[in-house]
Structure formats: C-alpha cells, structure tokens
Amino acid sequence: MNNYAKELRRLLAENKFLTLPGVYDCLSARIAQEAGFPALFLSGGALAYSVLGKPDFGFLNLAEFGDAIQHIVSACRAPLLADADNGFGNAIQAANTGAVYEQLGAAGLQIDDKVLPASHPARNEIVDWEMIGPKIQAVRDSVSDDFVIVYRTCANLYGYGVEESIRRINLARERGADYAYVDGIKSMEELKRISDEAAIPLMVNLNEKGFVGGNVPIEEVKALRYSIGLFPISSMLAAAQGMIEVMGALADRGSTLSVRDKMTDPPTRIHNMMGQTALVEKYAPYYTL
C-alpha cells in the first residue's frame, strides 16, 4: 500500500489549488518541506543539471530517477510526484516505470509525449497520440488506484497548436490520466481556452521563463479551472544564483565576507534541518549505559 499516494490524493481533494515546488535532491526537498509545502515535485530538468551536469535532453535513465526518488522519499514526509520523461520507452517500459516509481515510494508520476531520443538535434518533436495513449494506460494498469498520473503534452510548446493539445489531454483521461497540462502556453487566451475546454483536471506549468509564470498574476490563474500550480525549477535557479555569487566572490577576493548574506547564517540551521542535533541527542545516551 502506497500511503504517499493516498496522501497526495487527499491533498488534491482538499485543496482547490495545490502549489508544487520542484526539487532535485534531499536538501532542496527538505527545505521545501520545512517551508510548508505539503507535496513536492521531482524535476527532471533540475535533476539532469545537478546529477549529470547535462541539459534536459533525455540523458537521465530510470535508475537515476529511481535513486533520486528513493533518497528524497527516505528524507521527507511530503508525498513526491516525480517526472518520468516519456516513460523511458514504449508501453512495456512505461508500465515498468510506473511500477518501479510506486515501489520506491513516489506518490505519482508525470509522463510526456516528447520524442526521446530525438531524431534531429534541432527539431522539436512529439510522438503520435497512438504511441503515447498506450503508455498512459500501461502505467495506469501497473500501479494502484491511488497512484497519481499526470500527462504533459508538449504539442503547443513545439508548435502543434492548442487545439491538438486539448484533444490530447482529453483523450488522456480516457486512458487513465488523473491530471494533465499543456506546456508552452503563450497567451491569456490560450490559458482560458484550455481551462474552458479541458475534460480533465488541470495542472499549469508556472516556470518563470514561460508566459504564465513570468507574466500572469497567480490569482488570475487560480480563478480559472486549474488544480495544480507547478514551479519545476525555481529551487534550482535560486540555488544556482546563490552559488554563482558566493563562488564568484570567493574566487575574486579569497573570502566570503562580502556575500555572507547569500549564505544560511548560522550554519546550524541546515545542520538541524538535516537532523544532526536530533541524532546526536538520540544516540549519545547509548554510550552511557
């Protein structure tokens, strides 16, 4: 029984709009949890940067995602929705991905319709619906009823249009998806049209570089029929900026005195968050028996 999946279902049912922060390791996940987020999202893009030092071009495999899921789940109480790229293959591999994710403790997964590996390095491609639909159904049939499936279509992001995107997300519900989102929304008109015509509960990507995240006030998004707001790489961008400034100052000046405001102060805040003090207090008495 996956209690994390049950908890995510409960949170989605009880919250009209659930904000999901993107995380990529135990530190970012614990910080997000301490900030008060009741659920988390494992970002494939942030994971690729942090683990492989490579762009989000499909270099990550199931084992690397699995390691991240296992570590984060072991360190956090908050249920984790995890990116699964396009399922790592056809319906056979997608079914295995769903089963593995649930066994490792993920509360759900996001599967998309990108072509990986891409057949052309400069061309944005998506697979035909006849290829992605069976993957969604295969995942649904390989996991518990509580496990949450989110379908992400890149049709609008890659120039196939809003109409095709809406067609796909509505078909996804028939194949077993619980939520879906259209990536690459470019205008308020598109945001509203998707809200009006979707036959499936919606997630919206609030990536700061996109139209919605970068331009639309959050209250306007919440006023539409969106159930989940995803900030996939905010934590990674914030961490990167802090490290760029601190490492730059250290390299230039040989000291961090000028950038102490970019660092947690005192360091014990992070030590305590990771459980250092609690573990010492718990096990020190063992040596006095």
C-alpha atoms as a PDB file:
ATOM      1  CA  MET A   1       0.000   0.000   0.000  1.00  0.00           C
ATOM      2  CA  ASN A   2       1.376   3.417  -1.024  1.00  0.00           C
ATOM      3  CA  ASN A   3       0.419   5.817   1.767  1.00  0.00           C
ATOM      4  CA  TYR A   4       2.188   8.653  -0.026  1.00  0.00           C
ATOM      5  CA  ALA A   5      -0.172   8.263  -2.971  1.00  0.00           C
ATOM      6  CA  LYS A   6      -3.166   8.284  -0.636  1.00  0.00           C
ATOM      7  CA  GLU A   7      -1.858  11.451   0.987  1.00  0.00           C
ATOM      8  CA  LEU A   8      -1.358  13.193  -2.351  1.00  0.00           C
ATOM      9  CA  ARG A   9      -4.909  12.224  -3.362  1.00  0.00           C
ATOM     10  CA  ARG A  10      -6.165  13.698  -0.092  1.00  0.00           C
ATOM     11  CA  LEU A  11      -4.259  16.942  -0.605  1.00  0.00           C
ATOM     12  CA  LEU A  12      -5.562  17.301  -4.150  1.00  0.00           C
ATOM     13  CA  ALA A  13      -9.111  16.679  -2.989  1.00  0.00           C
ATOM     14  CA  GLU A  14      -8.907  19.155  -0.119  1.00  0.00           C
ATOM     15  CA  ASN A  15      -7.113  21.991  -1.930  1.00  0.00           C
ATOM     16  CA  LYS A  16      -8.746  23.906  -4.736  1.00  0.00           C
ATOM     17  CA  PHE A  17      -5.266  24.856  -5.950  1.00  0.00           C
ATOM     18  CA  LEU A  18      -2.160  22.941  -4.835  1.00  0.00           C
ATOM     19  CA  THR A  19       1.247  24.544  -5.413  1.00  0.00           C
ATOM     20  CA  LEU A  20       4.034  22.064  -6.154  1.00  0.00           C
ATOM     21  CA  PRO A  21       7.670  23.193  -5.844  1.00  0.00           C
ATOM     22  CA  GLY A  22      10.271  21.452  -7.964  1.00  0.00           C
ATOM     23  CA  VAL A  23      13.052  19.685  -6.046  1.00  0.00           C
ATOM     24  CA  TYR A  24      16.031  17.652  -7.200  1.00  0.00           C
ATOM     25  CA  ASP A  25      17.802  16.267  -4.117  1.00  0.00           C
ATOM     26  CA  CYS A  26      17.309  15.755  -0.403  1.00  0.00           C
ATOM     27  CA  LEU A  27      18.491  19.244   0.524  1.00  0.00           C
ATOM     28  CA  SER A  28      16.078  21.046  -1.803  1.00  0.00           C
ATOM     29  CA  ALA A  29      13.288  18.666  -0.768  1.00  0.00           C
ATOM     30  CA  ARG A  30      13.842  19.193   2.954  1.00  0.00           C
ATOM     31  CA  ILE A  31      13.983  22.962   2.513  1.00  0.00           C
ATOM     32  CA  ALA A  32      10.716  22.883   0.552  1.00  0.00           C
ATOM     33  CA  GLN A  33       9.110  20.718   3.215  1.00  0.00           C
ATOM     34  CA  GLU A  34      10.340  22.996   6.015  1.00  0.00           C
ATOM     35  CA  ALA A  35       8.901  25.963   4.084  1.00  0.00           C
ATOM     36  CA  GLY A  36       5.490  24.356   4.487  1.00  0.00           C
ATOM     37  CA  PHE A  37       4.807  22.652   1.157  1.00  0.00           C
ATOM     38  CA  PRO A  38       2.692  19.536   1.752  1.00  0.00           C
ATOM     39  CA  ALA A  39       3.765  17.871  -1.525  1.00  0.00           C
ATOM     40  CA  LEU A  40       6.786  18.031  -3.829  1.00  0.00           C
ATOM     41  CA  PHE A  41       7.697  17.524  -7.490  1.00  0.00           C
ATOM     42  CA  LEU A  42      10.902  15.847  -8.691  1.00  0.00           C
ATOM     43  CA  SER A  43      12.060  17.928 -11.655  1.00  0.00           C
ATOM     44  CA  GLY A  44      13.830  16.015 -14.406  1.00  0.00           C
ATOM     45  CA  GLY A  45      15.471  19.156 -15.732  1.00  0.00           C
ATOM     46  CA  ALA A  46      16.900  20.164 -12.361  1.00  0.00           C
ATOM     47  CA  LEU A  47      17.967  16.566 -11.725  1.00  0.00           C
ATOM     48  CA  ALA A  48      19.844  16.417 -15.036  1.00  0.00           C
ATOM     49  CA  TYR A  49      21.731  19.616 -14.227  1.00  0.00           C
ATOM     50  CA  SER A  50      22.603  18.588 -10.679  1.00  0.00           C
ATOM     51  CA  VAL A  51      23.382  14.885 -11.171  1.00  0.00           C
ATOM     52  CA  LEU A  52      24.797  14.728 -14.691  1.00  0.00           C
ATOM     53  CA  GLY A  53      25.792  18.300 -15.451  1.00  0.00           C
ATOM     54  CA  LYS A  54      23.918  17.975 -18.745  1.00  0.00           C
ATOM     55  CA  PRO A  55      20.832  19.632 -20.275  1.00  0.00           C
ATOM     56  CA  ASP A  56      17.368  18.069 -20.105  1.00  0.00           C
ATOM     57  CA  PHE A  57      17.784  16.114 -23.338  1.00  0.00           C
ATOM     58  CA  GLY A  58      16.808  12.673 -22.090  1.00  0.00           C
ATOM     59  CA  PHE A  59      20.190  11.650 -20.678  1.00  0.00           C
ATOM     60  CA  LEU A  60      18.662  10.539 -17.371  1.00  0.00           C
ATOM     61  CA  ASN A  61      17.566   6.928 -17.116  1.00  0.00           C
ATOM     62  CA  LEU A  62      15.168   5.030 -14.864  1.00  0.00           C
ATOM     63  CA  ALA A  63      17.912   4.079 -12.401  1.00  0.00           C
ATOM     64  CA  GLU A  64      18.970   7.691 -11.891  1.00  0.00           C
ATOM     65  CA  PHE A  65      15.401   8.857 -11.383  1.00  0.00           C
ATOM     66  CA  GLY A  66      14.870   5.889  -9.067  1.00  0.00           C
ATOM     67  CA  ASP A  67      17.876   6.786  -6.926  1.00  0.00           C
ATOM     68  CA  ALA A  68      16.615  10.354  -6.544  1.00  0.00           C
ATOM     69  CA  ILE A  69      13.108   9.169  -5.625  1.00  0.00           C
ATOM     70  CA  GLN A  70      14.414   6.714  -3.057  1.00  0.00           C
ATOM     71  CA  HIS A  71      16.660   9.295  -1.375  1.00  0.00           C
ATOM     72  CA  ILE A  72      14.026  12.050  -1.294  1.00  0.00           C
ATOM     73  CA  VAL A  73      11.265   9.759  -0.045  1.00  0.00           C
ATOM     74  CA  SER A  74      13.540   8.496   2.723  1.00  0.00           C
ATOM     75  CA  ALA A  75      14.308  12.063   3.811  1.00  0.00           C
ATOM     76  CA  CYS A  76      10.861  13.692   3.584  1.00  0.00           C
ATOM     77  CA  ARG A  77       7.324  13.121   4.784  1.00  0.00           C
ATOM     78  CA  ALA A  78       5.747  15.106   1.938  1.00  0.00           C
ATOM     79  CA  PRO A  79       4.445  12.967  -0.961  1.00  0.00           C
ATOM     80  CA  LEU A  80       6.504  13.204  -4.134  1.00  0.00           C
ATOM     81  CA  LEU A  81       5.178  13.482  -7.692  1.00  0.00           C
ATOM     82  CA  ALA A  82       8.072  12.510  -9.963  1.00  0.00           C
ATOM     83  CA  ASP A  83       8.909  13.374 -13.553  1.00  0.00           C
ATOM     84  CA  ALA A  84       9.250  10.276 -15.735  1.00  0.00           C
ATOM     85  CA  ASP A  85      10.089  11.883 -19.092  1.00  0.00           C
ATOM     86  CA  ASN A  86       8.241   9.843 -21.743  1.00  0.00           C
ATOM     87  CA  GLY A  87       8.228   6.631 -19.724  1.00  0.00           C
ATOM     88  CA  PHE A  88      11.661   5.508 -20.995  1.00  0.00           C
ATOM     89  CA  GLY A  89      10.346   3.561 -23.957  1.00  0.00           C
ATOM     90  CA  ASN A  90       7.097   2.089 -25.202  1.00  0.00           C
ATOM     91  CA  ALA A  91       4.141   0.817 -23.173  1.00  0.00           C
ATOM     92  CA  ILE A  92       6.199  -2.079 -21.814  1.00  0.00           C
ATOM     93  CA  GLN A  93       8.862   0.217 -20.358  1.00  0.00           C
ATOM     94  CA  ALA A  94       6.293   2.805 -19.229  1.00  0.00           C
ATOM     95  CA  ALA A  95       4.413   0.143 -17.242  1.00  0.00           C
ATOM     96  CA  ASN A  96       7.669  -0.881 -15.586  1.00  0.00           C
ATOM     97  CA  THR A  97       8.456   2.769 -14.812  1.00  0.00           C
ATOM     98  CA  GLY A  98       5.125   3.229 -13.059  1.00  0.00           C
ATOM     99  CA  ALA A  99       5.561   0.066 -11.016  1.00  0.00           C
ATOM    100  CA  VAL A 100       9.127   0.959 -10.016  1.00  0.00           C
ATOM    101  CA  TYR A 101       8.204   4.517  -9.059  1.00  0.00           C
ATOM    102  CA  GLU A 102       5.403   3.288  -6.825  1.00  0.00           C
ATOM    103  CA  GLN A 103       7.588   0.609  -5.225  1.00  0.00           C
ATOM    104  CA  LEU A 104      10.178   3.284  -4.390  1.00  0.00           C
ATOM    105  CA  GLY A 105       7.543   5.423  -2.686  1.00  0.00           C
ATOM    106  CA  ALA A 106       6.638   8.041  -5.281  1.00  0.00           C
ATOM    107  CA  ALA A 107       3.041   9.233  -4.965  1.00  0.00           C
ATOM    108  CA  GLY A 108       2.641   9.663  -8.700  1.00  0.00           C
ATOM    109  CA  LEU A 109       4.422  10.440 -11.941  1.00  0.00           C
ATOM    110  CA  GLN A 110       4.346  12.828 -14.859  1.00  0.00           C
ATOM    111  CA  ILE A 111       4.687  11.330 -18.331  1.00  0.00           C
ATOM    112  CA  ASP A 112       5.033  13.380 -21.522  1.00  0.00           C
ATOM    113  CA  ASP A 113       4.848  12.951 -25.289  1.00  0.00           C
ATOM    114  CA  LYS A 114       8.301  14.145 -26.303  1.00  0.00           C
ATOM    115  CA  VAL A 115      10.384  12.080 -28.694  1.00  0.00           C
ATOM    116  CA  LEU A 116      13.388  10.723 -26.771  1.00  0.00           C
ATOM    117  CA  PRO A 117      15.928  10.335 -28.125  1.00  0.00           C
ATOM    118  CA  ALA A 118      15.061  12.996 -30.682  1.00  0.00           C
ATOM    119  CA  SER A 119      15.695  12.057 -34.285  1.00  0.00           C
ATOM    120  CA  HIS A 120      17.083  15.540 -35.055  1.00  0.00           C
ATOM    121  CA  PRO A 121      19.068  17.650 -32.543  1.00  0.00           C
ATOM    122  CA  ALA A 122      17.465  20.954 -33.553  1.00  0.00           C
ATOM    123  CA  ARG A 123      13.902  19.816 -34.194  1.00  0.00           C
ATOM    124  CA  ASN A 124      11.206  19.716 -31.531  1.00  0.00           C
ATOM    125  CA  GLU A 125       9.160  16.554 -31.887  1.00  0.00           C
ATOM    126  CA  ILE A 126       6.295  14.777 -30.189  1.00  0.00           C
ATOM    127  CA  VAL A 127       5.114  11.219 -30.649  1.00  0.00           C
ATOM    128  CA  ASP A 128       1.784  10.413 -32.258  1.00  0.00           C
ATOM    129  CA  TRP A 129      -1.147  10.064 -29.878  1.00  0.00           C
ATOM    130  CA  GLU A 130      -1.402   6.403 -30.897  1.00  0.00           C
ATOM    131  CA  MET A 131       2.001   5.946 -29.226  1.00  0.00           C
ATOM    132  CA  ILE A 132       1.529   7.935 -26.025  1.00  0.00           C
ATOM    133  CA  GLY A 133      -2.025   6.784 -25.241  1.00  0.00           C
ATOM    134  CA  PRO A 134      -0.970   3.143 -24.713  1.00  0.00           C
ATOM    135  CA  LYS A 135       1.854   4.297 -22.404  1.00  0.00           C
ATOM    136  CA  ILE A 136      -0.579   6.139 -20.128  1.00  0.00           C
ATOM    137  CA  GLN A 137      -2.897   3.145 -19.996  1.00  0.00           C
ATOM    138  CA  ALA A 138       0.026   0.808 -19.327  1.00  0.00           C
ATOM    139  CA  VAL A 139       1.119   2.932 -16.371  1.00  0.00           C
ATOM    140  CA  ARG A 140      -2.444   3.036 -15.043  1.00  0.00           C
ATOM    141  CA  ASP A 141      -2.715  -0.747 -15.199  1.00  0.00           C
ATOM    142  CA  SER A 142       0.647  -1.252 -13.447  1.00  0.00           C
ATOM    143  CA  VAL A 143       0.027   0.920 -10.369  1.00  0.00           C
ATOM    144  CA  SER A 144      -2.536   1.215  -7.582  1.00  0.00           C
ATOM    145  CA  ASP A 145      -5.717   3.236  -7.946  1.00  0.00           C
ATOM    146  CA  ASP A 146      -4.285   5.879  -5.589  1.00  0.00           C
ATOM    147  CA  PHE A 147      -1.129   6.486  -7.622  1.00  0.00           C
ATOM    148  CA  VAL A 148      -1.480   9.825  -9.459  1.00  0.00           C
ATOM    149  CA  ILE A 149      -0.759  10.060 -13.185  1.00  0.00           C
ATOM    150  CA  VAL A 150      -0.142  13.451 -14.792  1.00  0.00           C
ATOM    151  CA  TYR A 151       0.117  13.704 -18.570  1.00  0.00           C
ATOM    152  CA  ARG A 152       2.133  16.560 -20.023  1.00  0.00           C
ATOM    153  CA  THR A 153       1.707  17.399 -23.687  1.00  0.00           C
ATOM    154  CA  CYS A 154       4.376  19.374 -25.499  1.00  0.00           C
ATOM    155  CA  ALA A 155       2.175  19.850 -28.561  1.00  0.00           C
ATOM    156  CA  ASN A 156       1.680  23.579 -28.026  1.00  0.00           C
ATOM    157  CA  LEU A 157       5.258  24.087 -26.862  1.00  0.00           C
ATOM    158  CA  TYR A 158       6.504  22.581 -30.111  1.00  0.00           C
ATOM    159  CA  GLY A 159       4.134  24.358 -32.472  1.00  0.00           C
ATOM    160  CA  TYR A 160       1.394  21.757 -32.955  1.00  0.00           C
ATOM    161  CA  GLY A 161      -1.198  24.105 -31.503  1.00  0.00           C
ATOM    162  CA  VAL A 162      -3.663  24.480 -28.648  1.00  0.00           C
ATOM    163  CA  GLU A 163      -6.389  22.501 -30.396  1.00  0.00           C
ATOM    164  CA  GLU A 164      -4.164  19.426 -30.700  1.00  0.00           C
ATOM    165  CA  SER A 165      -3.051  19.900 -27.089  1.00  0.00           C
ATOM    166  CA  ILE A 166      -6.634  19.963 -25.810  1.00  0.00           C
ATOM    167  CA  ARG A 167      -7.506  16.921 -27.900  1.00  0.00           C
ATOM    168  CA  ARG A 168      -4.622  15.013 -26.351  1.00  0.00           C
ATOM    169  CA  ILE A 169      -5.256  15.908 -22.712  1.00  0.00           C
ATOM    170  CA  ASN A 170      -8.931  14.972 -23.059  1.00  0.00           C
ATOM    171  CA  LEU A 171      -8.028  11.623 -24.613  1.00  0.00           C
ATOM    172  CA  ALA A 172      -5.520  11.092 -21.798  1.00  0.00           C
ATOM    173  CA  ARG A 173      -8.318  10.983 -19.257  1.00  0.00           C
ATOM    174  CA  GLU A 174      -9.902   8.097 -21.153  1.00  0.00           C
ATOM    175  CA  ARG A 175      -6.596   6.225 -20.915  1.00  0.00           C
ATOM    176  CA  GLY A 176      -6.275   6.676 -17.153  1.00  0.00           C
ATOM    177  CA  ALA A 177      -4.540  10.008 -16.542  1.00  0.00           C
ATOM    178  CA  ASP A 178      -5.754  11.892 -13.460  1.00  0.00           C
ATOM    179  CA  TYR A 179      -4.404  15.317 -14.392  1.00  0.00           C
ATOM    180  CA  ALA A 180      -2.876  16.864 -17.475  1.00  0.00           C
ATOM    181  CA  TYR A 181      -1.190  20.042 -18.541  1.00  0.00           C
ATOM    182  CA  VAL A 182      -0.420  21.854 -21.739  1.00  0.00           C
ATOM    183  CA  ASP A 183       3.142  23.086 -21.815  1.00  0.00           C
ATOM    184  CA  GLY A 184       4.080  26.209 -23.739  1.00  0.00           C
ATOM    185  CA  ILE A 185       1.004  28.366 -23.087  1.00  0.00           C
ATOM    186  CA  LYS A 186       1.686  31.644 -24.866  1.00  0.00           C
ATOM    187  CA  SER A 187      -1.219  33.952 -24.073  1.00  0.00           C
ATOM    188  CA  MET A 188      -4.096  34.621 -21.717  1.00  0.00           C
ATOM    189  CA  GLU A 189      -6.441  33.476 -24.483  1.00  0.00           C
ATOM    190  CA  GLU A 190      -4.736  30.080 -24.608  1.00  0.00           C
ATOM    191  CA  LEU A 191      -4.743  29.800 -20.818  1.00  0.00           C
ATOM    192  CA  LYS A 192      -8.501  30.446 -20.712  1.00  0.00           C
ATOM    193  CA  ARG A 193      -9.336  28.252 -23.703  1.00  0.00           C
ATOM    194  CA  ILE A 194      -7.572  25.267 -22.171  1.00  0.00           C
ATOM    195  CA  SER A 195      -9.406  25.896 -18.903  1.00  0.00           C
ATOM    196  CA  ASP A 196     -12.749  26.065 -20.697  1.00  0.00           C
ATOM    197  CA  GLU A 197     -12.345  23.051 -22.979  1.00  0.00           C
ATOM    198  CA  ALA A 198     -10.446  20.576 -20.824  1.00  0.00           C
ATOM    199  CA  ALA A 199     -12.348  17.463 -19.757  1.00  0.00           C
ATOM    200  CA  ILE A 200      -9.639  16.510 -17.252  1.00  0.00           C
ATOM    201  CA  PRO A 201      -8.373  18.250 -14.088  1.00  0.00           C
ATOM    202  CA  LEU A 202      -5.516  20.578 -14.969  1.00  0.00           C
ATOM    203  CA  MET A 203      -2.012  21.342 -13.841  1.00  0.00           C
ATOM    204  CA  VAL A 204      -0.318  24.522 -15.068  1.00  0.00           C
ATOM    205  CA  ASN A 205       3.420  24.982 -15.532  1.00  0.00           C
ATOM    206  CA  LEU A 206       4.459  28.201 -13.776  1.00  0.00           C
ATOM    207  CA  ASN A 207       8.076  28.058 -14.896  1.00  0.00           C
ATOM    208  CA  GLU A 208       9.411  31.603 -14.559  1.00  0.00           C
ATOM    209  CA  LYS A 209      10.643  31.711 -18.154  1.00  0.00           C
ATOM    210  CA  GLY A 210       7.195  30.851 -19.563  1.00  0.00           C
ATOM    211  CA  PHE A 211       4.288  33.163 -20.339  1.00  0.00           C
ATOM    212  CA  VAL A 212       2.134  32.114 -17.398  1.00  0.00           C
ATOM    213  CA  GLY A 213       4.775  32.035 -14.697  1.00  0.00           C
ATOM    214  CA  GLY A 214       6.500  35.113 -15.987  1.00  0.00           C
ATOM    215  CA  ASN A 215       3.510  37.341 -16.718  1.00  0.00           C
ATOM    216  CA  VAL A 216       0.215  36.212 -15.192  1.00  0.00           C
ATOM    217  CA  PRO A 217      -0.567  37.034 -11.533  1.00  0.00           C
ATOM    218  CA  ILE A 218      -1.194  33.859  -9.586  1.00  0.00           C
ATOM    219  CA  GLU A 219      -4.680  34.964  -8.520  1.00  0.00           C
ATOM    220  CA  GLU A 220      -5.737  35.139 -12.178  1.00  0.00           C
ATOM    221  CA  VAL A 221      -4.504  31.583 -12.695  1.00  0.00           C
ATOM    222  CA  LYS A 222      -6.339  30.360  -9.590  1.00  0.00           C
ATOM    223  CA  ALA A 223      -9.564  31.970 -10.828  1.00  0.00           C
ATOM    224  CA  LEU A 224      -9.561  29.542 -13.781  1.00  0.00           C
ATOM    225  CA  ARG A 225     -10.057  25.759 -13.689  1.00  0.00           C
ATOM    226  CA  TYR A 226      -6.503  24.806 -12.748  1.00  0.00           C
ATOM    227  CA  SER A 227      -5.943  22.451  -9.824  1.00  0.00           C
ATOM    228  CA  ILE A 228      -2.144  22.298  -9.534  1.00  0.00           C
ATOM    229  CA  GLY A 229       0.464  25.025  -9.988  1.00  0.00           C
ATOM    230  CA  LEU A 230       3.928  23.669 -10.809  1.00  0.00           C
ATOM    231  CA  PHE A 231       7.152  25.628 -10.216  1.00  0.00           C
ATOM    232  CA  PRO A 232       9.555  22.998 -11.596  1.00  0.00           C
ATOM    233  CA  ILE A 233      12.974  24.685 -11.468  1.00  0.00           C
ATOM    234  CA  SER A 234      12.578  27.607  -9.048  1.00  0.00           C
ATOM    235  CA  SER A 235      14.659  25.944  -6.330  1.00  0.00           C
ATOM    236  CA  MET A 236      17.439  25.013  -8.739  1.00  0.00           C
ATOM    237  CA  LEU A 237      17.612  28.523 -10.226  1.00  0.00           C
ATOM    238  CA  ALA A 238      17.700  30.079  -6.757  1.00  0.00           C
ATOM    239  CA  ALA A 239      20.422  27.710  -5.565  1.00  0.00           C
ATOM    240  CA  ALA A 240      22.458  28.257  -8.730  1.00  0.00           C
ATOM    241  CA  GLN A 241      22.301  32.044  -8.398  1.00  0.00           C
ATOM    242  CA  GLY A 242      23.421  31.880  -4.779  1.00  0.00           C
ATOM    243  CA  MET A 243      26.343  29.604  -5.627  1.00  0.00           C
ATOM    244  CA  ILE A 244      27.349  31.755  -8.611  1.00  0.00           C
ATOM    245  CA  GLU A 245      27.564  34.832  -6.394  1.00  0.00           C
ATOM    246  CA  VAL A 246      29.324  33.149  -3.469  1.00  0.00           C
ATOM    247  CA  MET A 247      31.798  31.195  -5.595  1.00  0.00           C
ATOM    248  CA  GLY A 248      32.485  34.276  -7.714  1.00  0.00           C
ATOM    249  CA  ALA A 249      33.263  36.382  -4.670  1.00  0.00           C
ATOM    250  CA  LEU A 250      35.444  33.654  -3.167  1.00  0.00           C
ATOM    251  CA  ALA A 251      37.399  33.267  -6.407  1.00  0.00           C
ATOM    252  CA  ASP A 252      37.855  37.026  -6.862  1.00  0.00           C
ATOM    253  CA  ARG A 253      38.527  38.086  -3.276  1.00  0.00           C
ATOM    254  CA  GLY A 254      39.649  34.962  -1.494  1.00  0.00           C
ATOM    255  CA  SER A 255      36.908  35.383   1.112  1.00  0.00           C
ATOM    256  CA  THR A 256      33.141  35.131   1.542  1.00  0.00           C
ATOM    257  CA  LEU A 257      32.869  38.210   3.779  1.00  0.00           C
ATOM    258  CA  SER A 258      31.082  40.257   1.112  1.00  0.00           C
ATOM    259  CA  VAL A 259      28.474  37.595   0.373  1.00  0.00           C
ATOM    260  CA  ARG A 260      27.589  36.226   3.802  1.00  0.00           C
ATOM    261  CA  ASP A 261      24.030  37.431   3.221  1.00  0.00           C
ATOM    262  CA  LYS A 262      23.776  34.849   0.411  1.00  0.00           C
ATOM    263  CA  MET A 263      24.502  32.001   2.840  1.00  0.00           C
ATOM    264  CA  THR A 264      22.465  30.496   5.668  1.00  0.00           C
ATOM    265  CA  ASP A 265      23.507  32.017   8.970  1.00  0.00           C
ATOM    266  CA  PRO A 266      24.197  30.311  11.230  1.00  0.00           C
ATOM    267  CA  PRO A 267      25.109  27.029   9.506  1.00  0.00           C
ATOM    268  CA  THR A 268      23.406  25.170  12.352  1.00  0.00           C
ATOM    269  CA  ARG A 269      20.065  25.931  10.684  1.00  0.00           C
ATOM    270  CA  ILE A 270      20.886  23.453   7.910  1.00  0.00           C
ATOM    271  CA  HIS A 271      22.561  21.028  10.332  1.00  0.00           C
ATOM    272  CA  ASN A 272      19.413  20.913  12.431  1.00  0.00           C
ATOM    273  CA  MET A 273      17.165  20.617   9.395  1.00  0.00           C
ATOM    274  CA  MET A 274      19.120  17.552   8.313  1.00  0.00           C
ATOM    275  CA  GLY A 275      18.733  16.047  11.806  1.00  0.00           C
ATOM    276  CA  GLN A 276      22.284  16.395  13.094  1.00  0.00           C
ATOM    277  CA  THR A 277      21.390  17.602  16.585  1.00  0.00           C
ATOM    278  CA  ALA A 278      18.476  15.204  16.960  1.00  0.00           C
ATOM    279  CA  LEU A 279      20.601  12.192  16.022  1.00  0.00           C
ATOM    280  CA  VAL A 280      23.337  13.116  18.480  1.00  0.00           C
ATOM    281  CA  GLU A 281      20.781  13.606  21.261  1.00  0.00           C
ATOM    282  CA  LYS A 282      19.131  10.277  20.437  1.00  0.00           C
ATOM    283  CA  TYR A 283      22.236   8.123  20.306  1.00  0.00           C
ATOM    284  CA  ALA A 284      24.662   9.776  22.755  1.00  0.00           C
ATOM    285  CA  PRO A 285      22.905   8.097  25.726  1.00  0.00           C
ATOM    286  CA  TYR A 286      23.741   4.695  24.232  1.00  0.00           C
ATOM    287  CA  TYR A 287      27.335   5.261  25.354  1.00  0.00           C
ATOM    288  CA  THR A 288      26.431   5.916  28.998  1.00  0.00           C
ATOM    289  CA  LEU A 289      24.504   2.710  29.665  1.00  0.00           C
END
